[in-house]
C-alpha cells in the first residue's frame, strides 16, 4: 500500500507539470476529479472493493509542435487489500491526422521516475534504465537462459562489442532509457559472444559490434529473420547510419509492446477503472436511498463516460483496421519476393548442373563435430537446416565420422530436395553411400514441433550393422517443410529412443 501511495504522488507531480497548474485537492487525496485547462485535460478516478484498490489517471495534451496531434497518457496504480503487491500500468496513445508519425518512440520519463524512486518489477526482473553489462561466464549463461525462456515478454536488444573495441557502437544508455519497461538492453563484450555462437550457431548469434533483437518466443529453432540482426558501423565512419539503427530499434520494440502487452491483462485501461468506479458509486447511492436527482446525475455521468470511451475505441479500431490492411499488403509483397528468390536459386542451381558441374563439388567437409553446425549454416543455407535439437546434439555427438553425416546432408540438399520441389512424394528408399540408406522410420516415427506446427518425422538416413553403439550407429531423422522448401533435420547422429525402441 505504501508503494502504491508513493507511486501515486509521483504520478500527480508529473501530471501537474503536464497540465501546467496545481491539481485540485481531491487529486491529492486519491479521490476522483476532473480538471481542464487550455486544451489540456486531467481526469482521475478511483474505487475500492473487497479485493483491491485502484486509482487511474488520464492526461490529454496537445503536441507542442504539430497541430491536431494529441497525446494521451493513461496510468493505473493499485494494490490488493490483503497486502499484495502494488500495480503500476502506463499506456501512451496518440491521435493525429498524419499517416505516419515522424517521431522517435520513447517510453515516458515518468516510468524512469517511478522505477528510480519507488522501484519497479516486471515478473522477477528489476526494471532499470541502465543496460545489463555481461561481465562473466555466469552472466552470459544467465543471458542464454533468459533468451530461450518461453515466458519472456520483453525483446532483448543484445549489443555486442567488436574485437579490439571497449564500448558498443550504439548509445546503449540512451537506448535503455527510452525503452525502459518494453525492452531490455544487454551489452556483451567480444570475449563472451563466442558462447552465444556456441549455443545458437552463427545465424542466431551476435558479434563484431552488431546488435540483434531477440524477440519473445526465441528458441534454438527460430528463424534468424524473425530476430533481426543490425550491423553497426563505427560511429566515426557512419554517424547517420548509427542513428538510423537506433530509430529502427526503438520502433521495433514500441510495435512489439502492442502485441505482447494485452489490454485488460498486462495493461489496465483507464476506461475499465472509470466504469467500475461509476458502477460502484451508482450502486452505493441506490443502497443508501439517495435522492433521485443525485442518482440521475451519476447515471448521466456514466453515460457521458461510456460515450467518450466508445469514441476512443472506434478511433483505435479504425487505426487497427488500417494497420492490418497495410501489414497484409506488405506480407503479400514479401511472400512474392521470397518465392521469386527461391525460384531464382533453383534457376542458378539448374544452370550449374546444365554445365555438367555439381553445386557442392568443391565443398570442404567438416573434420570434427565442433565445426559441423557452422558448416551446415554456411554450405546448406536455404536448402537444409538443423533444428535446435539437432544443433545441440552435434555438440556432444559420439559418432566417429562427421564427414559421412555431411555427405548425407549434401544428398538431402541436392537429390532429395530437387525431387520434392519437382513434385515427388519423397518416397526415396535407396542407398546413399556404401552401407548408408534412406528409409522410413517405421515404428520409430515421432512427432516434432517445427515452425509452430506439429509434424511427423517418418524418414531417416541410417547405416547397417544393427548396432546401437553411438560411435558407429548413424541415424539422421528429417522432414520436408513444404512452406519453406527446406529439409529440416530433427535429430542426428544417434538413434532416437521412442516407445517402439
Protein backbone atom coordinates (compact mmCIF):
# COMPACT_ATOMS: atom_id res chain seq x y z
CA UNK A 1 0.00 0.00 0.00
CA UNK A 2 2.85 2.39 0.85
CA UNK A 3 4.46 1.72 -2.54
CA UNK A 4 1.17 2.46 -4.32
CA UNK A 5 0.76 5.74 -2.42
CA UNK A 6 4.33 6.78 -3.22
CA UNK A 7 3.81 5.98 -6.90
CA UNK A 8 0.54 7.95 -6.95
CA UNK A 9 2.28 11.04 -5.56
CA UNK A 10 4.96 10.78 -8.26
CA UNK A 11 2.26 10.49 -10.93
CA UNK A 12 0.40 13.54 -9.61
CA UNK A 13 3.58 15.62 -9.55
CA UNK A 14 4.25 14.60 -13.15
CA UNK A 15 0.63 15.34 -14.18
CA UNK A 16 0.77 18.83 -12.65
CA UNK A 17 3.77 19.62 -14.87
CA UNK A 18 1.92 18.33 -17.95
CA UNK A 19 -1.13 20.47 -17.17
CA UNK A 20 0.93 23.46 -16.11
CA UNK A 21 -1.06 24.09 -12.95
CA UNK A 22 -1.74 22.75 -9.49
CA UNK A 23 -4.26 19.92 -9.37
CA UNK A 24 -7.35 20.07 -7.11
CA UNK A 25 -7.24 18.83 -3.53
CA UNK A 26 -9.36 15.80 -4.42
CA UNK A 27 -6.49 14.60 -6.60
CA UNK A 28 -4.04 14.83 -3.71
CA UNK A 29 -6.37 12.70 -1.60
CA UNK A 30 -6.63 9.96 -4.20
CA UNK A 31 -10.28 10.73 -4.98
CA UNK A 32 -11.98 11.13 -8.35
CA UNK A 33 -11.60 14.53 -10.04
CA UNK A 34 -11.67 16.27 -13.41
CA UNK A 35 -9.54 19.24 -14.42
CA UNK A 36 -9.50 21.13 -17.74
CA UNK A 37 -7.09 23.91 -18.65
CA UNK A 38 -6.22 25.39 -22.06
CA UNK A 39 -6.95 22.30 -24.14
CA UNK A 40 -5.34 20.03 -21.56
CA UNK A 41 -7.42 17.54 -19.60
CA UNK A 42 -6.58 15.60 -16.46
CA UNK A 43 -9.12 13.11 -15.08
CA UNK A 44 -8.66 10.91 -12.04
CA UNK A 45 -10.91 8.07 -10.86
CA UNK A 46 -10.64 5.56 -8.04
CA UNK A 47 -12.51 2.78 -6.32
CA UNK A 48 -12.00 0.15 -3.67
CA UNK A 49 -13.81 -3.15 -3.20
CA UNK A 50 -13.20 -6.18 -1.02
CA UNK A 51 -10.26 -7.35 -3.17
CA UNK A 52 -8.38 -4.33 -4.47
CA UNK A 53 -7.98 -0.58 -4.58
CA UNK A 54 -7.35 1.03 -7.99
CA UNK A 55 -6.60 4.63 -8.90
CA UNK A 56 -6.37 5.76 -12.52
CA UNK A 57 -5.34 8.99 -14.20
CA UNK A 58 -5.67 10.15 -17.79
CA UNK A 59 -3.90 13.20 -19.20
CA UNK A 60 -4.70 14.59 -22.67
CA UNK A 61 -2.39 17.26 -24.01
CA UNK A 62 -1.74 18.75 -27.46
CA UNK A 63 1.61 18.27 -29.15
CA UNK A 64 3.89 21.26 -28.69
CA UNK A 65 4.79 21.47 -32.39
CA UNK A 66 2.19 19.68 -34.54
CA UNK A 67 -1.41 20.89 -34.83
CA UNK A 68 -4.17 18.30 -34.24
CA UNK A 69 -1.73 15.83 -32.74
CA UNK A 70 -2.83 14.94 -29.20
CA UNK A 71 -1.02 12.74 -26.69
CA UNK A 72 -2.91 10.69 -24.12
CA UNK A 73 -1.23 9.06 -21.13
CA UNK A 74 -3.18 6.57 -19.01
CA UNK A 75 -1.75 5.47 -15.68
CA UNK A 76 -3.19 2.97 -13.22
CA UNK A 77 -1.83 2.43 -9.70
CA UNK A 78 -3.32 -0.11 -7.35
CA UNK A 79 -2.80 -2.72 -4.69
CA UNK A 80 -4.51 -5.76 -3.25
CA UNK A 81 -6.37 -5.20 0.01
CA UNK A 82 -4.67 -8.20 1.61
CA UNK A 83 -1.18 -6.62 1.46
CA UNK A 84 -0.47 -7.97 -2.01
CA UNK A 85 1.98 -6.41 -4.48
CA UNK A 86 1.31 -2.94 -5.84
CA UNK A 87 0.48 -2.48 -9.52
CA UNK A 88 1.73 0.18 -11.94
CA UNK A 89 0.47 0.35 -15.51
CA UNK A 90 1.08 3.01 -18.17
CA UNK A 91 -0.37 3.35 -21.65
CA UNK A 92 0.65 6.03 -24.16
CA UNK A 93 -1.60 6.86 -27.12
CA UNK A 94 -1.54 9.47 -29.84
CA UNK A 95 -4.34 10.88 -32.00
CA UNK A 96 -3.22 12.52 -35.23
CA UNK A 97 -4.37 13.03 -38.84
CA UNK A 98 -0.83 12.12 -40.00
CA UNK A 99 -0.50 8.88 -41.97
CA UNK A 100 2.88 8.17 -40.33
CA UNK A 101 4.37 9.55 -37.15
CA UNK A 102 7.75 11.21 -37.85
CA UNK A 103 8.96 10.64 -34.29
CA UNK A 104 11.44 8.50 -32.39
CA UNK A 105 9.37 6.46 -29.91
CA UNK A 106 10.31 6.76 -26.25
CA UNK A 107 8.78 5.45 -23.05
CA UNK A 108 7.56 8.45 -20.98
CA UNK A 109 10.07 9.72 -18.45
CA UNK A 110 7.51 9.01 -15.73
CA UNK A 111 8.36 5.30 -15.92
CA UNK A 112 12.03 6.03 -15.18
CA UNK A 113 10.93 8.34 -12.38
CA UNK A 114 8.78 5.61 -10.77
CA UNK A 115 11.46 2.96 -11.29
CA UNK A 116 14.06 5.17 -9.60
CA UNK A 117 12.02 6.47 -6.67
CA UNK A 118 9.67 3.56 -5.96
CA UNK A 119 11.22 0.58 -7.71
CA UNK A 120 9.50 -1.48 -10.40
CA UNK A 121 9.49 -5.21 -11.05
CA UNK A 122 8.45 -6.89 -14.28
CA UNK A 123 7.94 -10.51 -13.34
CA UNK A 124 11.04 -11.26 -11.28
CA UNK A 125 13.26 -8.74 -13.05
CA UNK A 126 14.01 -5.26 -11.75
CA UNK A 127 13.07 -2.57 -14.26
CA UNK A 128 16.09 -0.36 -14.87
CA UNK A 129 17.04 2.43 -17.24
CA UNK A 130 20.60 1.09 -17.37
CA UNK A 131 21.82 -1.63 -19.76
CA UNK A 132 22.80 -5.07 -18.46
CA UNK A 133 26.55 -5.48 -18.90
CA UNK A 134 27.73 -9.08 -19.26
CA UNK A 135 30.96 -9.44 -17.29
CA UNK A 136 31.32 -13.17 -16.58
CA UNK A 137 30.56 -16.66 -17.84
CA UNK A 138 27.75 -16.88 -15.29
CA UNK A 139 26.23 -13.70 -16.75
CA UNK A 140 26.30 -14.96 -20.32
CA UNK A 141 24.80 -18.30 -19.28
CA UNK A 142 22.04 -16.39 -17.49
CA UNK A 143 21.51 -14.40 -20.69
CA UNK A 144 21.12 -17.58 -22.76
CA UNK A 145 18.58 -18.87 -20.24
CA UNK A 146 16.63 -15.61 -20.40
CA UNK A 147 16.63 -15.56 -24.22
CA UNK A 148 15.10 -19.04 -24.55
CA UNK A 149 12.65 -18.58 -21.66
CA UNK A 150 9.21 -19.30 -23.21
CA UNK A 151 7.56 -16.95 -20.71
CA UNK A 152 9.66 -13.93 -21.70
CA UNK A 153 7.57 -10.89 -22.69
CA UNK A 154 10.28 -8.32 -23.48
CA UNK A 155 12.56 -8.11 -26.52
CA UNK A 156 16.25 -8.32 -25.59
CA UNK A 157 18.40 -5.90 -27.58
CA UNK A 158 21.80 -7.59 -27.37
CA UNK A 159 24.60 -5.20 -28.34
CA UNK A 160 27.96 -6.83 -28.99
CA UNK A 161 31.34 -5.14 -28.60
CA UNK A 162 33.69 -5.72 -31.53
CA UNK A 163 37.17 -7.20 -31.11
CA UNK A 164 39.67 -4.51 -30.21
CA UNK A 165 36.95 -2.13 -29.02
CA UNK A 166 35.86 -1.35 -25.46
CA UNK A 167 32.35 0.05 -25.88
CA UNK A 168 29.32 -0.72 -28.08
CA UNK A 169 28.89 1.24 -31.29
CA UNK A 170 25.40 2.37 -30.25
CA UNK A 171 24.47 4.68 -27.41
CA UNK A 172 23.23 1.84 -25.20
CA UNK A 173 22.46 4.14 -22.27
CA UNK A 174 20.10 6.21 -24.38
CA UNK A 175 18.57 3.04 -25.84
CA UNK A 176 17.98 1.54 -22.38
CA UNK A 177 16.48 4.80 -21.13
CA UNK A 178 13.95 5.25 -23.95
CA UNK A 179 12.90 1.57 -23.97
CA UNK A 180 12.65 1.04 -20.20
CA UNK A 181 9.84 -1.38 -19.40
CA UNK A 182 9.29 -2.52 -23.01
CA UNK A 183 12.74 -3.96 -23.79
CA UNK A 184 15.96 -4.96 -22.08
CA UNK A 185 19.28 -3.72 -23.42
CA UNK A 186 22.24 -6.08 -22.96
CA UNK A 187 25.92 -5.38 -23.68
CA UNK A 188 28.10 -8.40 -24.49
CA UNK A 189 31.89 -7.94 -24.77
CA UNK A 190 33.70 -9.74 -27.58
CA UNK A 191 35.17 -12.23 -25.09
CA UNK A 192 31.67 -13.58 -24.33
CA UNK A 193 29.96 -13.52 -27.74
CA UNK A 194 31.51 -16.89 -28.58
CA UNK A 195 29.20 -18.52 -26.02
CA UNK A 196 26.13 -17.24 -27.87
CA UNK A 197 27.58 -18.61 -31.11
CA UNK A 198 28.28 -21.97 -29.49
CA UNK A 199 24.75 -22.20 -28.10
CA UNK A 200 22.76 -20.88 -31.07
CA UNK A 201 25.09 -21.09 -34.09
CA UNK A 202 26.27 -18.17 -36.17
CA UNK A 203 22.92 -17.38 -37.82
CA UNK A 204 21.33 -16.69 -34.42
CA UNK A 205 24.33 -15.21 -32.64
CA UNK A 206 25.55 -11.63 -32.48
CA UNK A 207 29.16 -10.40 -32.60
CA UNK A 208 31.61 -7.91 -34.10
CA UNK A 209 29.73 -4.82 -32.98
CA UNK A 210 26.34 -5.87 -34.35
CA UNK A 211 23.03 -5.75 -32.46
CA UNK A 212 20.40 -8.48 -32.51
CA UNK A 213 16.82 -8.06 -31.32
CA UNK A 214 15.87 -11.35 -29.67
CA UNK A 215 12.08 -11.22 -29.66
CA UNK A 216 9.80 -13.15 -27.27
CA UNK A 217 9.37 -16.78 -28.34
CA UNK A 218 13.02 -17.18 -29.35
CA UNK A 219 14.45 -20.71 -29.33
CA UNK A 220 17.26 -22.71 -30.90
CA UNK A 221 14.88 -23.43 -33.82
CA UNK A 222 14.00 -19.80 -34.52
CA UNK A 223 14.39 -18.18 -37.89
CA UNK A 224 17.18 -15.58 -37.81
CA UNK A 225 14.97 -13.28 -39.88
CA UNK A 226 12.41 -13.01 -37.07
CA UNK A 227 15.11 -11.94 -34.60
CA UNK A 228 16.66 -9.18 -36.66
CA UNK A 229 20.37 -8.51 -36.84
CA UNK A 230 21.53 -4.90 -37.21
CA UNK A 231 25.05 -4.28 -38.48
CA UNK A 232 26.51 -1.17 -36.89
CA UNK A 233 29.48 0.65 -38.38
CA UNK A 234 31.90 2.53 -36.11
CA UNK A 235 30.33 5.90 -35.27
CA UNK A 236 33.38 7.68 -36.68
CA UNK A 237 32.55 6.39 -40.16
CA UNK A 238 28.75 6.47 -40.26
CA UNK A 239 27.01 8.54 -37.58
CA UNK A 240 23.82 8.88 -39.65
CA UNK A 241 23.52 5.12 -40.12
CA UNK A 242 24.07 4.55 -36.41
CA UNK A 243 21.28 7.00 -35.60
CA UNK A 244 19.02 5.24 -38.12
CA UNK A 245 19.70 1.90 -36.41
CA UNK A 246 18.75 3.39 -33.04
CA UNK A 247 15.49 4.68 -34.50
CA UNK A 248 14.71 1.29 -36.06
CA UNK A 249 15.28 -0.48 -32.74
CA UNK A 250 13.05 2.00 -30.93
CA UNK A 251 10.21 1.46 -33.40
CA UNK A 252 10.72 -2.31 -33.31
CA UNK A 253 10.23 -2.62 -29.55
CA UNK A 254 7.46 0.00 -29.48
CA UNK A 255 5.46 -2.01 -32.02
CA UNK A 256 6.22 -5.25 -30.17
CA UNK A 257 4.83 -3.79 -26.95
CA UNK A 258 1.43 -3.50 -28.67
CA UNK A 259 1.49 -7.23 -29.40
CA UNK A 260 2.92 -8.51 -26.12
CA UNK A 261 1.14 -6.33 -23.55
CA UNK A 262 -2.53 -7.21 -23.76
CA UNK A 263 -5.04 -4.55 -22.76
CA UNK A 264 -7.00 -5.78 -19.77
CA UNK A 265 -4.29 -8.26 -18.84
CA UNK A 266 -0.76 -6.81 -18.85
CA UNK A 267 -2.05 -3.24 -19.18
CA UNK A 268 -5.10 -1.83 -17.37
CA UNK A 269 -7.20 0.65 -19.34
CA UNK A 270 -8.33 3.89 -17.74
CA UNK A 271 -11.85 3.25 -19.08
CA UNK A 272 -12.11 -0.05 -17.20
CA UNK A 273 -11.29 1.64 -13.88
CA UNK A 274 -13.65 4.54 -14.57
CA UNK A 275 -16.56 2.26 -15.46
CA UNK A 276 -16.04 0.15 -12.34
CA UNK A 277 -15.82 3.29 -10.21
CA UNK A 278 -19.09 4.68 -11.61
CA UNK A 279 -20.82 1.31 -11.22
CA UNK A 280 -19.85 1.13 -7.56
CA UNK A 281 -20.91 4.74 -6.94
CA UNK A 282 -24.29 4.18 -8.59
CA UNK A 283 -24.85 1.05 -6.50
CA UNK A 284 -23.84 2.89 -3.32
CA UNK A 285 -26.36 5.67 -3.97
CA UNK A 286 -29.07 3.14 -4.65
CA UNK A 287 -28.43 1.21 -1.44
CA UNK A 288 -28.27 4.34 0.72
CA UNK A 289 -31.55 5.65 -0.67
CA UNK A 290 -30.09 8.83 -2.15
CA UNK A 291 -32.32 11.31 -3.93
CA UNK A 292 -33.43 10.51 -7.48
CA UNK A 293 -31.71 13.63 -8.78
CA UNK A 294 -28.37 12.53 -7.36
CA UNK A 295 -28.76 9.03 -8.80
CA UNK A 296 -29.73 10.52 -12.17
CA UNK A 297 -26.66 12.75 -12.15
CA UNK A 298 -24.42 9.74 -11.53
CA UNK A 299 -26.13 7.76 -14.29
CA UNK A 300 -25.70 10.65 -16.75
CA UNK A 301 -22.02 10.91 -15.83
CA UNK A 302 -21.66 7.22 -16.60
CA UNK A 303 -23.40 7.66 -19.96
CA UNK A 304 -21.03 10.51 -20.87
CA UNK A 305 -18.05 8.41 -19.84
CA UNK A 306 -19.25 5.48 -21.95
CA UNK A 307 -19.74 7.76 -24.97
CA UNK A 308 -16.18 9.05 -24.55
CA UNK A 309 -14.84 5.51 -24.25
CA UNK A 310 -16.80 4.44 -27.34
CA UNK A 311 -15.39 7.33 -29.39
CA UNK A 312 -11.84 6.48 -28.41
CA UNK A 313 -12.43 2.76 -29.02
CA UNK A 314 -13.76 3.48 -32.53
CA UNK A 315 -10.68 5.58 -33.31
CA UNK A 316 -8.46 2.74 -32.11
CA UNK A 317 -10.45 0.20 -34.13
CA UNK A 318 -10.04 2.28 -37.29
CA UNK A 319 -6.30 2.52 -36.71
CA UNK A 320 -6.06 -1.24 -36.17
CA UNK A 321 -8.02 -1.86 -39.36
CA UNK A 322 -5.73 0.45 -41.35
CA UNK A 323 -2.63 -1.18 -39.84
CA UNK A 324 -3.93 -4.67 -40.61
CA UNK A 325 -4.53 -3.73 -44.24
CA UNK A 326 -1.05 -2.20 -44.55
CA UNK A 327 0.65 -5.18 -42.92
CA UNK A 328 -1.30 -7.64 -45.06
CA UNK A 329 -0.24 -5.85 -48.25
CA UNK A 330 3.38 -5.80 -47.05
CA UNK A 331 3.25 -9.52 -46.20
CA UNK A 332 1.96 -10.35 -49.67
CA UNK A 333 4.78 -8.34 -51.24
CA UNK A 334 7.39 -10.12 -49.11
CA UNK A 335 5.91 -13.52 -49.93
CA UNK A 336 6.13 -12.74 -53.64
CA UNK A 337 9.75 -11.64 -53.22
CA UNK A 338 10.54 -14.84 -51.28
CA UNK A 339 9.00 -17.03 -53.96
CA UNK A 340 10.94 -15.11 -56.58
CA UNK A 341 14.21 -15.58 -54.69
CA UNK A 342 13.55 -19.32 -54.27
CA UNK A 343 12.79 -19.64 -57.96
CA UNK A 344 15.99 -17.76 -58.83
CA UNK A 345 18.06 -20.05 -56.61
CA UNK A 346 16.61 -23.08 -58.36
CA UNK A 347 17.38 -21.48 -61.74
CA UNK A 348 21.02 -20.92 -60.78
CA UNK A 349 21.39 -24.45 -59.43
CA UNK A 350 19.89 -25.83 -62.64
CA UNK A 351 22.30 -23.75 -64.75
CA UNK A 352 25.26 -25.08 -62.78
CA UNK A 353 24.11 -28.66 -63.32
CA UNK A 354 23.38 -27.99 -67.01
CA UNK A 355 27.06 -27.14 -67.47
CA UNK A 356 27.95 -30.53 -66.08
CA UNK A 357 29.04 -29.20 -62.70
CA UNK A 358 27.79 -30.01 -59.22
CA UNK A 359 26.93 -27.12 -56.86
CA UNK A 360 28.78 -28.72 -53.96
CA UNK A 361 31.62 -30.36 -55.89
CA UNK A 362 34.39 -28.40 -54.17
CA UNK A 363 32.81 -28.15 -50.74
CA UNK A 364 35.20 -28.79 -47.86
CA UNK A 365 33.64 -31.26 -45.41
CA UNK A 366 33.84 -30.66 -41.65
CA UNK A 367 36.57 -32.65 -39.96
CA UNK A 368 35.12 -32.57 -36.45
CA UNK A 369 31.78 -32.07 -34.73
CA UNK A 370 32.81 -28.66 -33.39
CA UNK A 371 32.74 -27.36 -36.98
CA UNK A 372 29.61 -29.19 -38.06
CA UNK A 373 26.80 -26.74 -37.21
CA UNK A 374 28.67 -23.77 -38.70
CA UNK A 375 29.42 -25.82 -41.83
CA UNK A 376 25.71 -26.54 -42.23
CA UNK A 377 24.87 -22.86 -41.87
CA UNK A 378 27.44 -21.82 -44.47
CA UNK A 379 27.06 -24.59 -47.07
CA UNK A 380 23.46 -25.76 -46.77
CA UNK A 381 21.66 -22.49 -46.00
CA UNK A 382 18.36 -22.26 -47.86
CA UNK A 383 18.29 -26.00 -48.55
CA UNK A 384 18.83 -27.90 -45.29
CA UNK A 385 18.53 -26.54 -41.76
CA UNK A 386 19.37 -28.00 -38.38
CA UNK A 387 16.64 -27.86 -35.75
CA UNK A 388 17.66 -26.57 -32.33
CA UNK A 389 17.63 -30.13 -31.05
CA UNK A 390 19.92 -31.36 -33.83
CA UNK A 391 22.22 -28.38 -33.34
CA UNK A 392 22.59 -29.22 -29.65
CA UNK A 393 23.19 -32.89 -30.45
CA UNK A 394 26.18 -32.03 -32.65
CA UNK A 395 27.94 -30.57 -29.61
CA UNK A 396 28.01 -33.93 -27.81
CA UNK A 397 27.92 -36.37 -30.73
CA UNK A 398 29.86 -39.65 -30.39
CA UNK A 399 29.55 -40.84 -34.00
CA UNK A 400 33.10 -41.11 -35.27
CA UNK A 401 32.59 -39.99 -38.88
CA UNK A 402 31.14 -36.46 -39.12
CA UNK A 403 32.13 -36.28 -42.80
CA UNK A 404 29.81 -39.20 -43.54
CA UNK A 405 26.97 -37.26 -41.94
CA UNK A 406 27.92 -34.19 -44.00
CA UNK A 407 27.74 -36.22 -47.25
CA UNK A 408 24.28 -37.43 -46.26
CA UNK A 409 23.11 -33.86 -45.73
CA UNK A 410 24.51 -32.89 -49.14
CA UNK A 411 22.40 -35.68 -50.65
CA UNK A 412 19.35 -34.26 -48.88
CA UNK A 413 20.23 -30.74 -50.10
CA UNK A 414 20.50 -31.84 -53.72
CA UNK A 415 18.92 -35.06 -54.96
CA UNK A 416 16.25 -35.35 -52.27
CA UNK A 417 15.29 -31.66 -52.22
CA UNK A 418 15.22 -31.46 -56.02
CA UNK A 419 12.84 -34.41 -56.14
CA UNK A 420 10.49 -32.79 -53.60
CA UNK A 421 10.48 -29.47 -55.43
CA UNK A 422 9.68 -31.31 -58.67
CA UNK A 423 6.62 -32.94 -57.12
CA UNK A 424 7.91 -36.23 -55.72
CA UNK A 425 6.28 -37.62 -52.58
CA UNK A 426 9.73 -38.11 -51.06
CA UNK A 427 9.43 -41.90 -51.05
CA UNK A 428 13.09 -42.43 -51.91
CA UNK A 429 14.20 -45.74 -50.44
CA UNK A 430 17.72 -46.03 -51.75
CA UNK A 431 21.39 -46.39 -50.96
CA UNK A 432 23.17 -43.07 -50.48
CA UNK A 433 26.67 -44.39 -49.91
CA UNK A 434 28.23 -47.72 -49.10
CA UNK A 435 26.31 -49.12 -46.14
CA UNK A 436 24.17 -45.96 -45.77
CA UNK A 437 20.48 -45.92 -46.73
CA UNK A 438 17.47 -43.63 -46.84
CA UNK A 439 14.45 -45.41 -45.41
CA UNK A 440 11.23 -44.97 -43.45
CA UNK A 441 11.43 -44.78 -39.67
CA UNK A 442 8.63 -47.30 -39.31
CA UNK A 443 7.75 -47.83 -35.66
CA UNK A 444 10.40 -45.26 -34.68
CA UNK A 445 8.47 -42.35 -36.24
CA UNK A 446 7.83 -39.48 -33.86
CA UNK A 447 6.10 -36.10 -33.70
CA UNK A 448 8.20 -32.96 -33.93
CA UNK A 449 7.37 -29.28 -33.43
CA UNK A 450 8.64 -27.05 -36.21
CA UNK A 451 7.63 -23.51 -37.06
CA UNK A 452 4.73 -23.63 -34.63
CA UNK A 453 3.35 -26.80 -36.23
CA UNK A 454 3.19 -30.44 -35.13
CA UNK A 455 4.83 -32.53 -37.84
CA UNK A 456 5.60 -36.22 -38.21
CA UNK A 457 9.19 -37.42 -38.71
CA UNK A 458 8.75 -40.52 -40.87
CA UNK A 459 12.08 -40.78 -42.71
CA UNK A 460 15.67 -41.21 -41.66
CA UNK A 461 19.08 -41.96 -43.10
CA UNK A 462 20.78 -44.88 -41.38
CA UNK A 463 23.71 -47.22 -41.66
CA UNK A 464 23.59 -51.00 -41.49
CA UNK A 465 25.10 -53.34 -38.97
CA UNK A 466 22.25 -53.40 -36.45
CA UNK A 467 24.36 -51.73 -33.78
CA UNK A 468 23.37 -49.16 -31.20
CA UNK A 469 26.95 -48.23 -30.31
CA UNK A 470 26.77 -44.41 -30.64
CA UNK A 471 30.27 -44.34 -32.14
CA UNK A 472 29.16 -46.49 -35.11
CA UNK A 473 25.35 -46.16 -35.23
CA UNK A 474 24.12 -43.45 -37.63
CA UNK A 475 20.59 -42.07 -37.72
CA UNK A 476 19.60 -38.77 -39.38
CA UNK A 477 15.90 -38.04 -38.78
CA UNK A 478 14.44 -35.41 -41.08
CA UNK A 479 11.24 -33.97 -42.52
CA UNK A 480 10.25 -31.86 -45.52
CA UNK A 481 8.77 -28.41 -44.87
CA UNK A 482 6.68 -27.58 -47.92
CA UNK A 483 6.16 -23.96 -46.81
CA UNK A 484 9.83 -23.03 -46.72
CA UNK A 485 11.04 -25.66 -49.23
CA UNK A 486 13.56 -26.81 -46.63
CA UNK A 487 14.76 -30.16 -45.38
CA UNK A 488 14.62 -29.92 -41.59
CA UNK A 489 16.97 -32.14 -39.61
CA UNK A 490 15.04 -33.12 -36.49
CA UNK A 491 17.77 -35.20 -34.85
CA UNK A 492 21.23 -36.60 -35.56
CA UNK A 493 23.51 -38.57 -35.48
CA UNK A 494 22.31 -41.11 -32.87
CA UNK A 495 19.33 -43.45 -32.66
CA UNK A 496 16.27 -41.77 -31.13
CA UNK A 497 14.51 -43.71 -28.43
CA UNK A 498 10.75 -43.91 -28.95
CA UNK A 499 8.03 -46.08 -27.49
CA UNK A 500 8.95 -48.72 -30.07
CA UNK A 501 12.68 -48.69 -29.29
